[in-house]
N, C-alpha and C. Protein backbone atom coordinates (compact mmCIF):
# COMPACT_ATOMS: atom_id res chain seq x y z
N UNK A 1 -73.23 18.56 46.96
CA UNK A 1 -72.18 18.67 47.92
C UNK A 1 -70.89 19.27 47.32
N UNK A 2 -70.57 18.82 46.19
CA UNK A 2 -69.34 19.31 45.50
C UNK A 2 -69.52 20.75 45.10
N UNK A 3 -70.73 21.16 44.65
CA UNK A 3 -71.01 22.58 44.34
C UNK A 3 -70.81 23.48 45.57
N UNK A 4 -71.25 22.98 46.68
CA UNK A 4 -71.10 23.74 47.99
C UNK A 4 -69.63 23.93 48.33
N UNK A 5 -68.81 22.91 48.15
CA UNK A 5 -67.38 22.96 48.44
C UNK A 5 -66.63 23.99 47.43
N UNK A 6 -67.18 23.97 46.16
CA UNK A 6 -66.51 24.91 45.29
C UNK A 6 -66.82 26.32 45.61
N UNK A 7 -68.11 26.58 46.00
CA UNK A 7 -68.47 27.93 46.44
C UNK A 7 -67.68 28.39 47.60
N UNK A 8 -67.54 27.53 48.59
CA UNK A 8 -66.79 27.85 49.85
C UNK A 8 -65.31 28.12 49.46
N UNK A 9 -64.73 27.29 48.65
CA UNK A 9 -63.36 27.48 48.23
C UNK A 9 -63.17 28.76 47.41
N UNK A 10 -64.23 29.14 46.56
CA UNK A 10 -64.03 30.40 45.83
C UNK A 10 -64.09 31.61 46.77
N UNK A 11 -65.00 31.51 47.83
CA UNK A 11 -65.05 32.62 48.77
C UNK A 11 -63.81 32.70 49.62
N UNK A 12 -63.27 31.56 49.91
CA UNK A 12 -62.05 31.52 50.77
C UNK A 12 -60.80 32.09 49.95
N UNK A 13 -60.80 31.80 48.63
CA UNK A 13 -59.66 32.29 47.90
C UNK A 13 -59.87 33.83 47.69
N UNK A 14 -61.07 34.27 47.47
CA UNK A 14 -61.28 35.83 47.37
C UNK A 14 -60.88 36.48 48.70
N UNK A 15 -61.25 35.88 49.81
CA UNK A 15 -60.93 36.47 51.07
C UNK A 15 -59.41 36.49 51.33
N UNK A 16 -58.70 35.41 50.91
CA UNK A 16 -57.23 35.37 51.02
C UNK A 16 -56.69 36.41 50.17
N UNK A 17 -57.18 36.56 48.94
CA UNK A 17 -56.68 37.55 48.00
C UNK A 17 -56.83 39.03 48.51
N UNK A 18 -58.00 39.33 49.07
CA UNK A 18 -58.21 40.62 49.61
C UNK A 18 -57.27 40.89 50.86
N UNK A 19 -57.09 39.85 51.75
CA UNK A 19 -56.19 40.02 52.80
C UNK A 19 -54.78 40.22 52.40
N UNK A 20 -54.34 39.62 51.27
CA UNK A 20 -52.98 39.82 50.77
C UNK A 20 -52.83 41.15 50.18
N UNK A 21 -53.89 41.59 49.51
CA UNK A 21 -53.76 43.04 48.98
C UNK A 21 -53.70 44.03 50.11
N UNK A 22 -54.55 43.89 51.18
CA UNK A 22 -54.42 44.78 52.30
C UNK A 22 -53.12 44.72 52.94
N UNK A 23 -52.57 43.55 53.08
CA UNK A 23 -51.24 43.43 53.76
C UNK A 23 -50.18 44.14 53.00
N UNK A 24 -50.23 43.91 51.59
CA UNK A 24 -49.33 44.54 50.70
C UNK A 24 -49.38 46.03 50.79
N UNK A 25 -50.55 46.64 50.67
CA UNK A 25 -50.63 48.09 50.68
C UNK A 25 -50.35 48.72 52.06
N UNK A 26 -50.64 48.04 53.16
CA UNK A 26 -50.29 48.55 54.40
C UNK A 26 -48.77 48.43 54.63
N UNK A 27 -48.16 47.41 54.02
CA UNK A 27 -46.72 47.35 54.10
C UNK A 27 -46.07 48.48 53.32
N UNK A 28 -46.54 48.70 52.09
CA UNK A 28 -46.03 49.92 51.32
C UNK A 28 -46.19 51.19 52.04
N UNK A 29 -47.35 51.41 52.69
CA UNK A 29 -47.60 52.63 53.39
C UNK A 29 -46.66 52.87 54.52
N UNK A 30 -46.20 51.79 55.11
CA UNK A 30 -45.37 52.00 56.36
C UNK A 30 -43.86 51.94 56.00
N UNK A 31 -43.53 51.55 54.77
CA UNK A 31 -42.07 51.46 54.41
C UNK A 31 -41.33 52.70 54.35
N UNK A 32 -41.87 53.79 53.79
CA UNK A 32 -41.12 54.96 53.55
C UNK A 32 -41.04 55.93 54.68
N UNK A 33 -40.83 55.34 55.90
CA UNK A 33 -40.73 56.11 57.11
C UNK A 33 -39.53 57.12 56.94
N UNK A 34 -39.74 58.41 57.32
CA UNK A 34 -38.81 59.43 57.09
C UNK A 34 -37.53 59.40 57.96
N UNK A 35 -37.58 58.54 58.94
CA UNK A 35 -36.34 58.49 59.81
C UNK A 35 -35.75 57.05 59.77
N UNK A 36 -35.83 56.40 58.70
CA UNK A 36 -35.23 55.10 58.57
C UNK A 36 -33.71 55.13 58.83
N UNK A 37 -33.03 56.13 58.31
CA UNK A 37 -31.67 56.34 58.52
C UNK A 37 -31.24 57.52 59.39
N UNK A 38 -31.93 57.66 60.47
CA UNK A 38 -31.75 58.84 61.29
C UNK A 38 -30.32 58.91 61.88
N UNK A 39 -29.80 57.89 62.38
CA UNK A 39 -28.52 57.84 63.01
C UNK A 39 -27.41 58.17 61.96
N UNK A 40 -27.56 57.55 60.79
CA UNK A 40 -26.62 57.82 59.71
C UNK A 40 -26.64 59.24 59.21
N UNK A 41 -27.89 59.77 59.12
CA UNK A 41 -27.97 61.16 58.69
C UNK A 41 -27.44 62.14 59.70
N UNK A 42 -27.60 61.86 60.95
CA UNK A 42 -26.96 62.65 62.00
C UNK A 42 -25.44 62.69 61.92
N UNK A 43 -24.84 61.60 61.58
CA UNK A 43 -23.35 61.44 61.46
C UNK A 43 -22.92 62.35 60.32
N UNK A 44 -23.60 62.26 59.16
CA UNK A 44 -23.28 63.05 57.99
C UNK A 44 -23.50 64.54 58.27
N UNK A 45 -24.59 64.86 58.98
CA UNK A 45 -24.91 66.31 59.30
C UNK A 45 -23.81 66.87 60.19
N UNK A 46 -23.42 66.15 61.17
CA UNK A 46 -22.22 66.58 62.05
C UNK A 46 -20.99 66.74 61.24
N UNK A 47 -20.72 65.80 60.32
CA UNK A 47 -19.51 65.95 59.52
C UNK A 47 -19.52 67.13 58.64
N UNK A 48 -20.70 67.42 58.09
CA UNK A 48 -20.82 68.64 57.26
C UNK A 48 -20.69 69.94 58.08
N UNK A 49 -21.20 69.93 59.26
CA UNK A 49 -20.98 71.07 60.14
C UNK A 49 -19.52 71.32 60.41
N UNK A 50 -18.75 70.22 60.75
CA UNK A 50 -17.40 70.35 60.98
C UNK A 50 -16.64 70.91 59.78
N UNK A 51 -16.96 70.51 58.56
CA UNK A 51 -16.30 71.06 57.38
C UNK A 51 -16.65 72.53 57.21
N UNK A 52 -17.93 72.94 57.39
CA UNK A 52 -18.26 74.32 57.29
C UNK A 52 -17.57 75.12 58.25
N UNK A 53 -17.39 74.75 59.53
CA UNK A 53 -16.68 75.38 60.55
C UNK A 53 -15.14 75.57 60.20
N UNK A 54 -14.60 74.44 59.67
CA UNK A 54 -13.20 74.40 59.31
C UNK A 54 -13.00 75.52 58.20
N UNK A 55 -13.93 75.72 57.32
CA UNK A 55 -13.80 76.66 56.23
C UNK A 55 -14.24 78.09 56.60
N UNK A 56 -14.58 78.28 57.85
CA UNK A 56 -14.97 79.58 58.36
C UNK A 56 -16.38 80.07 57.97
N UNK A 57 -17.10 79.22 57.40
CA UNK A 57 -18.50 79.68 57.01
C UNK A 57 -19.48 79.91 58.22
N UNK A 58 -19.16 79.19 59.27
CA UNK A 58 -19.77 79.42 60.56
C UNK A 58 -18.81 79.22 61.76
N UNK A 59 -19.12 79.77 62.85
CA UNK A 59 -18.18 79.73 64.02
C UNK A 59 -18.32 78.48 64.78
N UNK A 60 -19.52 77.89 64.94
CA UNK A 60 -19.76 76.72 65.62
C UNK A 60 -21.03 76.04 65.14
N UNK A 61 -21.39 74.97 65.76
CA UNK A 61 -22.60 74.25 65.22
C UNK A 61 -23.86 75.06 65.41
N UNK A 62 -23.96 75.80 66.49
CA UNK A 62 -25.13 76.65 66.71
C UNK A 62 -25.19 77.72 65.62
N UNK A 63 -24.06 78.29 65.25
CA UNK A 63 -24.01 79.34 64.22
C UNK A 63 -24.42 78.71 62.84
N UNK A 64 -23.98 77.52 62.61
CA UNK A 64 -24.43 76.79 61.35
C UNK A 64 -25.91 76.69 61.35
N UNK A 65 -26.45 76.27 62.40
CA UNK A 65 -27.89 76.12 62.51
C UNK A 65 -28.68 77.43 62.31
N UNK A 66 -28.21 78.51 62.93
CA UNK A 66 -28.84 79.84 62.83
C UNK A 66 -28.76 80.34 61.38
N UNK A 67 -27.64 80.11 60.74
CA UNK A 67 -27.45 80.63 59.30
C UNK A 67 -28.17 79.71 58.34
N UNK A 68 -28.76 78.54 58.78
CA UNK A 68 -29.50 77.57 57.91
C UNK A 68 -28.64 77.18 56.72
N UNK A 69 -27.41 76.77 57.01
CA UNK A 69 -26.54 76.25 55.99
C UNK A 69 -26.91 74.80 55.59
N UNK A 70 -27.36 73.99 56.57
CA UNK A 70 -27.48 72.61 56.44
C UNK A 70 -28.93 72.07 56.85
N UNK A 71 -29.41 71.21 56.04
CA UNK A 71 -30.61 70.50 56.40
C UNK A 71 -30.38 68.99 55.95
N UNK A 72 -31.31 68.10 56.40
CA UNK A 72 -31.13 66.73 56.12
C UNK A 72 -32.43 66.00 56.17
N UNK A 73 -32.56 64.88 55.37
CA UNK A 73 -33.65 63.98 55.55
C UNK A 73 -33.02 62.55 55.71
N UNK A 74 -33.77 61.71 56.28
CA UNK A 74 -33.22 60.37 56.69
C UNK A 74 -34.11 59.25 56.10
N UNK A 75 -34.86 59.61 55.10
CA UNK A 75 -35.88 58.70 54.55
C UNK A 75 -35.22 57.56 53.76
N UNK A 76 -35.92 56.45 53.71
CA UNK A 76 -35.51 55.30 52.92
C UNK A 76 -36.39 54.13 53.26
N UNK A 77 -36.18 53.04 52.56
CA UNK A 77 -36.91 51.81 52.78
C UNK A 77 -35.87 50.69 53.02
N UNK A 78 -36.02 49.96 54.01
CA UNK A 78 -35.09 48.88 54.31
C UNK A 78 -35.94 47.63 54.81
N UNK A 79 -36.05 46.60 53.97
CA UNK A 79 -36.73 45.40 54.38
C UNK A 79 -35.76 44.24 54.05
N UNK A 80 -35.17 43.70 55.09
CA UNK A 80 -34.17 42.60 54.85
C UNK A 80 -33.02 43.11 54.02
N UNK A 81 -32.76 42.44 52.97
CA UNK A 81 -31.68 42.80 51.99
C UNK A 81 -32.07 43.87 51.10
N UNK A 82 -33.37 44.23 50.99
CA UNK A 82 -33.83 45.23 50.03
C UNK A 82 -33.61 46.65 50.75
N UNK A 83 -32.87 47.46 50.02
CA UNK A 83 -32.51 48.77 50.63
C UNK A 83 -32.73 49.81 49.50
N UNK A 84 -33.56 50.81 49.78
CA UNK A 84 -33.76 51.84 48.80
C UNK A 84 -33.84 53.18 49.52
N UNK A 85 -33.21 54.13 48.90
CA UNK A 85 -33.12 55.45 49.42
C UNK A 85 -31.97 55.67 50.36
N UNK A 86 -32.03 56.56 51.25
CA UNK A 86 -30.92 56.90 52.21
C UNK A 86 -30.98 58.36 52.58
N UNK A 87 -30.11 58.79 53.39
CA UNK A 87 -30.03 60.12 53.83
C UNK A 87 -29.79 61.13 52.59
N UNK A 88 -30.28 62.29 52.74
CA UNK A 88 -29.91 63.33 51.85
C UNK A 88 -29.48 64.57 52.73
N UNK A 89 -28.39 65.14 52.35
CA UNK A 89 -27.82 66.35 53.03
C UNK A 89 -27.97 67.49 52.03
N UNK A 90 -28.60 68.54 52.51
CA UNK A 90 -28.76 69.76 51.69
C UNK A 90 -27.85 70.83 52.29
N UNK A 91 -26.96 71.45 51.44
CA UNK A 91 -25.94 72.42 51.90
C UNK A 91 -26.35 73.73 51.08
N UNK A 92 -26.42 74.80 51.80
CA UNK A 92 -26.77 76.06 51.21
C UNK A 92 -25.65 77.18 51.36
N UNK A 93 -25.66 78.02 50.44
CA UNK A 93 -24.71 79.14 50.35
C UNK A 93 -23.24 78.76 50.24
N UNK A 94 -23.10 77.72 49.42
CA UNK A 94 -21.73 77.25 49.21
C UNK A 94 -21.52 77.22 47.68
N UNK A 95 -20.44 77.87 47.24
CA UNK A 95 -20.07 77.83 45.81
C UNK A 95 -18.57 77.63 45.60
N UNK A 96 -18.00 77.01 46.57
CA UNK A 96 -16.50 76.74 46.54
C UNK A 96 -16.28 75.28 46.19
N UNK A 97 -15.58 75.01 45.17
CA UNK A 97 -15.19 73.54 44.96
C UNK A 97 -14.41 72.97 46.09
N UNK A 98 -13.60 73.74 46.81
CA UNK A 98 -12.71 73.26 47.94
C UNK A 98 -13.67 72.77 49.00
N UNK A 99 -14.76 73.55 49.34
CA UNK A 99 -15.69 73.14 50.41
C UNK A 99 -16.43 71.91 50.03
N UNK A 100 -16.86 71.81 48.73
CA UNK A 100 -17.59 70.57 48.26
C UNK A 100 -16.62 69.41 48.34
N UNK A 101 -15.42 69.60 47.88
CA UNK A 101 -14.39 68.53 47.84
C UNK A 101 -14.16 68.02 49.37
N UNK A 102 -14.13 68.88 50.33
CA UNK A 102 -13.92 68.54 51.74
C UNK A 102 -15.15 67.87 52.28
N UNK A 103 -16.32 68.27 51.86
CA UNK A 103 -17.56 67.66 52.31
C UNK A 103 -17.59 66.18 51.82
N UNK A 104 -17.21 65.99 50.55
CA UNK A 104 -17.21 64.61 49.96
C UNK A 104 -16.21 63.74 50.63
N UNK A 105 -15.03 64.32 50.98
CA UNK A 105 -14.08 63.52 51.70
C UNK A 105 -14.55 63.12 53.05
N UNK A 106 -15.14 64.04 53.80
CA UNK A 106 -15.68 63.74 55.09
C UNK A 106 -16.82 62.70 54.96
N UNK A 107 -17.72 62.86 54.01
CA UNK A 107 -18.75 61.95 53.91
C UNK A 107 -18.28 60.56 53.43
N UNK A 108 -17.27 60.52 52.67
CA UNK A 108 -16.69 59.27 52.29
C UNK A 108 -16.17 58.49 53.45
N UNK A 109 -15.46 59.16 54.33
CA UNK A 109 -14.94 58.56 55.57
C UNK A 109 -16.09 58.04 56.51
N UNK A 110 -17.15 58.85 56.61
CA UNK A 110 -18.30 58.48 57.44
C UNK A 110 -18.99 57.18 56.78
N UNK A 111 -19.13 57.23 55.46
CA UNK A 111 -19.72 56.15 54.80
C UNK A 111 -18.99 54.85 54.97
N UNK A 112 -17.61 54.97 54.93
CA UNK A 112 -16.82 53.73 55.17
C UNK A 112 -17.01 53.18 56.64
N UNK A 113 -17.16 54.00 57.53
CA UNK A 113 -17.35 53.62 58.98
C UNK A 113 -18.68 53.02 59.15
N UNK A 114 -19.66 53.63 58.55
CA UNK A 114 -21.10 53.15 58.75
C UNK A 114 -21.41 51.98 57.76
N UNK A 115 -20.62 51.80 56.79
CA UNK A 115 -20.85 50.80 55.66
C UNK A 115 -22.15 51.02 55.02
N UNK A 116 -22.46 52.30 54.61
CA UNK A 116 -23.64 52.63 53.89
C UNK A 116 -24.62 53.41 54.79
N UNK A 117 -25.73 53.67 54.40
CA UNK A 117 -26.41 53.50 53.23
C UNK A 117 -26.01 54.62 52.15
N UNK A 118 -26.52 54.49 50.95
CA UNK A 118 -26.31 55.50 49.94
C UNK A 118 -26.63 56.88 50.51
N UNK A 119 -25.75 57.88 50.09
CA UNK A 119 -25.96 59.30 50.59
C UNK A 119 -26.05 60.15 49.37
N UNK A 120 -27.00 61.06 49.36
CA UNK A 120 -27.17 62.10 48.38
C UNK A 120 -26.82 63.42 48.95
N UNK A 121 -25.95 64.22 48.35
CA UNK A 121 -25.59 65.53 48.78
C UNK A 121 -25.99 66.55 47.69
N UNK A 122 -26.82 67.54 48.07
CA UNK A 122 -27.22 68.60 47.12
C UNK A 122 -26.66 69.86 47.75
N UNK A 123 -25.84 70.54 46.89
CA UNK A 123 -25.16 71.77 47.32
C UNK A 123 -25.76 72.91 46.50
N UNK A 124 -26.22 74.01 47.17
CA UNK A 124 -26.86 75.17 46.50
C UNK A 124 -26.07 76.37 46.78
N UNK A 125 -25.91 77.22 45.80
CA UNK A 125 -25.25 78.54 45.88
C UNK A 125 -26.16 79.54 46.75
N UNK A 126 -27.35 79.35 46.71
CA UNK A 126 -28.38 80.33 47.26
C UNK A 126 -28.72 79.90 48.69
N UNK A 127 -29.39 80.91 49.32
CA UNK A 127 -29.86 80.60 50.74
C UNK A 127 -31.04 79.61 50.69
N UNK A 128 -31.24 79.08 51.86
CA UNK A 128 -32.28 78.05 52.02
C UNK A 128 -33.66 78.51 51.50
N UNK A 129 -34.04 79.66 51.87
CA UNK A 129 -35.45 80.10 51.61
C UNK A 129 -35.58 80.86 50.27
N UNK A 130 -34.48 80.86 49.52
CA UNK A 130 -34.49 81.56 48.17
C UNK A 130 -34.72 80.53 47.08
N UNK A 131 -34.98 80.97 45.90
CA UNK A 131 -35.02 80.01 44.69
C UNK A 131 -33.71 79.34 44.61
N UNK A 132 -33.67 78.09 44.38
CA UNK A 132 -32.52 77.25 44.51
C UNK A 132 -31.68 77.30 43.18
N UNK A 133 -30.47 77.65 43.33
CA UNK A 133 -29.46 77.47 42.27
C UNK A 133 -28.49 76.38 42.65
N UNK A 134 -28.56 75.25 42.06
CA UNK A 134 -27.69 74.12 42.47
C UNK A 134 -26.34 74.31 42.00
N UNK A 135 -25.38 74.05 42.87
CA UNK A 135 -23.88 74.14 42.58
C UNK A 135 -23.33 72.81 42.39
N UNK A 136 -23.79 71.81 43.08
CA UNK A 136 -23.20 70.47 42.98
C UNK A 136 -24.25 69.49 43.47
N UNK A 137 -24.15 68.26 42.98
CA UNK A 137 -24.94 67.09 43.36
C UNK A 137 -23.95 65.91 43.40
N UNK A 138 -24.03 65.19 44.56
CA UNK A 138 -23.05 64.09 44.68
C UNK A 138 -23.79 62.96 45.26
N UNK A 139 -23.50 61.74 44.82
CA UNK A 139 -24.08 60.52 45.35
C UNK A 139 -22.92 59.64 45.85
N UNK A 140 -22.97 59.20 47.06
CA UNK A 140 -21.96 58.26 47.59
C UNK A 140 -22.57 56.97 47.81
N UNK A 141 -22.14 55.92 47.06
CA UNK A 141 -22.69 54.59 47.21
C UNK A 141 -21.70 53.55 47.44
C-alpha cells in the first residue's frame, strides 16, 4: 500500500513539475509584447515630431512621416513591480547637437508627466534605409 502511494505521489510531483514548466515558458513567451508601452511611445513620438517641425526639418507631422525621420517601438515587459525595456525612438537624418538637445528636453518633460518607463533614443545621421551612422544615443530613466 505504501509503495502504491509513493508511486502516485511521484507521478503527481512530475505532473506538477511539467505544468509549472509549461506555465513558466508560456509566461515568458507572452511577456515581450511589442506594444506594452504603446501610449507612452506615442507621446514621445509626437514630442519628437514637434521638435523636428520647430527646427524646420519637416513642415508638419505628415511631412515628417513622408521623410521617414522618426520610427518607434513600444516593447517591454511589465509584470507587477518588474519592469524591463521600454519605448525606443529612432531619429534619422539628424546631426545637430541643438536638435538632439531639444529632443532630450522634450522627452524629459514627457517622461516626468508619464512617470516612466525608461526611454531609449537612437539618433542617426543617415537616412532610414541606408547603412546606419549613429550620431547620438540617449537613455532617459
